Amino acid sequence: MIDLDDLDLKILHALSQDATLSAGAIGRRFGLSQPAAWRRVKRLWSEGALSHRRLVLDHEALGFGVTVFLGVKLATKGRVSLEDFERAVTAVPEVQTVEHILGVYDYRLRIVARDISDFERVLRRRIMALPGVGDVEANVLLSEERLPGPLGG
């Protein structure tokens, strides 16, 4: 576990809200010089507290108005390896995330589609044709709110 002080937590929270913040902007916000802020951010990267920068696309603005979470239970665990399913499902462009989970379903997929008919096409022609797919359960996303998480606000 990484040893973090209160200032580190504040910097992490600020970066989780806006990953484009410069060291100068972080320094101004928290009363640090630009070099001191940069050293802290660099340490957070090197110790693994920060690992990725992601660009979040606005799917609706791009014409994908429906997001569906799909639970997938593999029908033939012995005959189809998890790696085969994962390799095949990651090739489906509408699948945004693939999560291997514990519970009723083996996987949880986040799928974007233009509308419900487009989702049905993706489900029938792409997802149900994947190796080993058995039962599925779809949940349509109505709204989403990003919460601050364990670092607080």
Protein backbone atom coordinates (compact mmCIF):
# COMPACT_ATOMS: atom_id res chain seq x y z
CA MET A 1 0.00 0.00 0.00
CA ILE A 2 1.21 3.47 -0.85
CA ASP A 3 1.76 5.92 2.01
CA LEU A 4 -0.39 8.98 1.18
CA ASP A 5 -0.80 12.16 3.18
CA ASP A 6 -3.79 14.53 3.06
CA LEU A 7 -2.23 16.64 0.30
CA ASP A 8 -1.62 13.54 -1.84
CA LEU A 9 -5.28 12.58 -1.43
CA LYS A 10 -6.39 16.07 -2.44
CA ILE A 11 -4.17 15.95 -5.53
CA LEU A 12 -5.49 12.51 -6.47
CA HIS A 13 -9.07 13.73 -6.09
CA ALA A 14 -8.37 16.81 -8.21
CA LEU A 15 -6.75 14.69 -10.94
CA SER A 16 -9.63 12.20 -10.86
CA GLN A 17 -11.94 15.12 -11.67
CA ASP A 18 -9.66 16.61 -14.35
CA ALA A 19 -6.65 14.60 -15.50
CA THR A 20 -5.46 17.53 -17.63
CA LEU A 21 -4.51 19.68 -14.63
CA SER A 22 -0.96 20.94 -14.95
CA ALA A 23 1.52 20.90 -12.08
CA GLY A 24 1.22 24.68 -12.00
CA ALA A 25 -2.58 24.51 -11.63
CA ILE A 26 -2.26 21.86 -8.91
CA GLY A 27 0.34 23.98 -7.12
CA ARG A 28 -1.87 27.09 -7.23
CA ARG A 29 -4.87 25.13 -5.96
CA PHE A 30 -3.01 23.60 -3.00
CA GLY A 31 -0.40 26.25 -2.16
CA LEU A 32 2.62 24.52 -3.69
CA SER A 33 5.24 25.68 -6.12
CA GLN A 34 5.01 24.18 -9.61
CA PRO A 35 8.16 22.04 -9.06
CA ALA A 36 6.86 20.76 -5.69
CA ALA A 37 3.49 19.87 -7.23
CA TRP A 38 5.26 18.14 -10.15
CA ARG A 39 7.42 16.10 -7.74
CA ARG A 40 4.31 14.93 -5.89
CA VAL A 41 2.46 13.98 -9.07
CA LYS A 42 5.56 12.23 -10.43
CA ARG A 43 5.85 10.25 -7.17
CA LEU A 44 2.16 9.27 -7.37
CA TRP A 45 2.80 7.94 -10.89
CA SER A 46 6.00 6.09 -9.94
CA GLU A 47 4.41 4.48 -6.86
CA GLY A 48 1.40 3.33 -8.87
CA ALA A 49 -1.31 5.52 -7.34
CA LEU A 50 -1.83 6.92 -10.85
CA SER A 51 -1.74 4.47 -13.71
CA HIS A 52 -3.82 5.67 -16.67
CA ARG A 53 -5.17 8.75 -18.33
CA ARG A 54 -8.43 8.16 -20.16
CA LEU A 55 -10.43 10.21 -22.54
CA VAL A 56 -14.16 9.79 -21.94
CA LEU A 57 -16.22 9.91 -25.12
CA ASP A 58 -19.76 11.25 -25.10
CA HIS A 59 -21.46 8.25 -26.67
CA GLU A 60 -24.80 10.01 -27.04
CA ALA A 61 -23.23 12.91 -28.93
CA LEU A 62 -21.58 10.33 -31.21
CA GLY A 63 -24.94 8.71 -32.00
CA PHE A 64 -24.89 5.89 -29.45
CA GLY A 65 -27.94 6.69 -27.34
CA VAL A 66 -28.29 3.35 -25.54
CA THR A 67 -25.95 1.75 -23.02
CA VAL A 68 -26.69 -1.78 -21.87
CA PHE A 69 -25.02 -3.82 -19.16
CA LEU A 70 -25.13 -7.44 -20.21
CA GLY A 71 -24.58 -10.33 -17.82
CA VAL A 72 -23.17 -13.34 -19.69
CA LYS A 73 -23.08 -16.87 -18.30
CA LEU A 74 -20.90 -19.25 -20.25
CA ALA A 75 -22.71 -22.47 -21.18
CA THR A 76 -19.71 -24.68 -21.75
CA LYS A 77 -16.98 -23.73 -19.31
CA GLY A 78 -15.13 -26.99 -19.90
CA ARG A 79 -15.13 -26.76 -23.70
CA VAL A 80 -14.49 -23.06 -24.19
CA SER A 81 -11.76 -21.35 -22.25
CA LEU A 82 -12.29 -17.99 -20.62
CA GLU A 83 -9.47 -16.66 -22.79
CA ASP A 84 -11.30 -17.74 -25.97
CA PHE A 85 -14.44 -15.88 -24.89
CA GLU A 86 -12.47 -12.81 -23.80
CA ARG A 87 -10.51 -12.68 -27.05
CA ALA A 88 -13.70 -12.96 -29.11
CA VAL A 89 -15.77 -10.47 -27.10
CA THR A 90 -13.07 -7.78 -27.13
CA ALA A 91 -13.23 -7.85 -30.95
CA VAL A 92 -16.87 -6.64 -30.87
CA PRO A 93 -16.62 -2.84 -31.33
CA GLU A 94 -19.84 -2.06 -29.42
CA VAL A 95 -18.46 -3.74 -26.28
CA GLN A 96 -16.85 -1.01 -24.18
CA THR A 97 -15.81 -3.02 -21.13
CA VAL A 98 -15.47 -6.70 -20.27
CA GLU A 99 -15.45 -7.59 -16.59
CA HIS A 100 -14.89 -11.15 -15.34
CA ILE A 101 -17.08 -11.35 -12.24
CA LEU A 102 -18.10 -13.72 -9.47
CA GLY A 103 -21.80 -14.46 -9.10
CA VAL A 104 -24.71 -15.64 -11.24
CA TYR A 105 -22.95 -14.47 -14.41
CA ASP A 106 -19.37 -15.03 -15.50
CA TYR A 107 -18.98 -11.68 -17.29
CA ARG A 108 -20.46 -8.22 -17.25
CA LEU A 109 -20.25 -6.31 -20.53
CA ARG A 110 -20.91 -2.63 -21.13
CA ILE A 111 -22.33 -2.26 -24.63
CA VAL A 112 -23.21 0.91 -26.53
CA ALA A 113 -25.69 0.94 -29.38
CA ARG A 114 -27.47 3.54 -31.49
CA ASP A 115 -30.88 2.48 -30.20
CA ILE A 116 -32.67 -0.61 -28.86
CA SER A 117 -33.01 -2.16 -32.35
CA ASP A 118 -29.28 -1.71 -32.88
CA PHE A 119 -28.64 -3.36 -29.50
CA GLU A 120 -30.86 -6.27 -30.51
CA ARG A 121 -28.81 -6.67 -33.71
CA VAL A 122 -25.54 -6.61 -31.71
CA LEU A 123 -26.96 -9.13 -29.23
CA ARG A 124 -28.29 -11.56 -31.85
CA ARG A 125 -25.54 -11.35 -34.45
CA ARG A 126 -22.44 -10.67 -32.41
CA ILE A 127 -22.80 -11.54 -28.72
CA MET A 128 -24.91 -14.72 -28.99
CA ALA A 129 -22.54 -15.99 -31.72
CA LEU A 130 -19.50 -15.83 -29.42
CA PRO A 131 -17.94 -19.08 -28.24
CA GLY A 132 -19.52 -20.53 -25.12
CA VAL A 133 -22.28 -17.95 -24.56
CA GLY A 134 -25.20 -19.41 -22.59
CA ASP A 135 -27.59 -17.27 -20.57
CA VAL A 136 -27.58 -13.48 -20.84
CA GLU A 137 -29.36 -10.74 -18.92
CA ALA A 138 -29.61 -7.18 -20.21
CA ASN A 139 -29.99 -4.04 -18.08
CA VAL A 140 -30.49 -0.75 -19.92
CA LEU A 141 -28.73 2.26 -18.39
CA LEU A 142 -31.20 5.04 -17.60
CA SER A 143 -28.79 7.57 -16.10
CA GLU A 144 -25.29 7.69 -14.68
CA GLU A 145 -23.65 9.84 -12.05
CA ARG A 146 -19.94 9.82 -11.28
CA LEU A 147 -19.37 9.61 -7.54
CA PRO A 148 -16.16 10.72 -5.84
CA GLY A 149 -15.24 7.24 -4.60
CA PRO A 150 -13.10 6.34 -1.60
CA LEU A 151 -10.94 9.49 -1.81
CA GLY A 152 -13.91 11.66 -0.93
CA GLY A 153 -14.39 15.22 -2.03
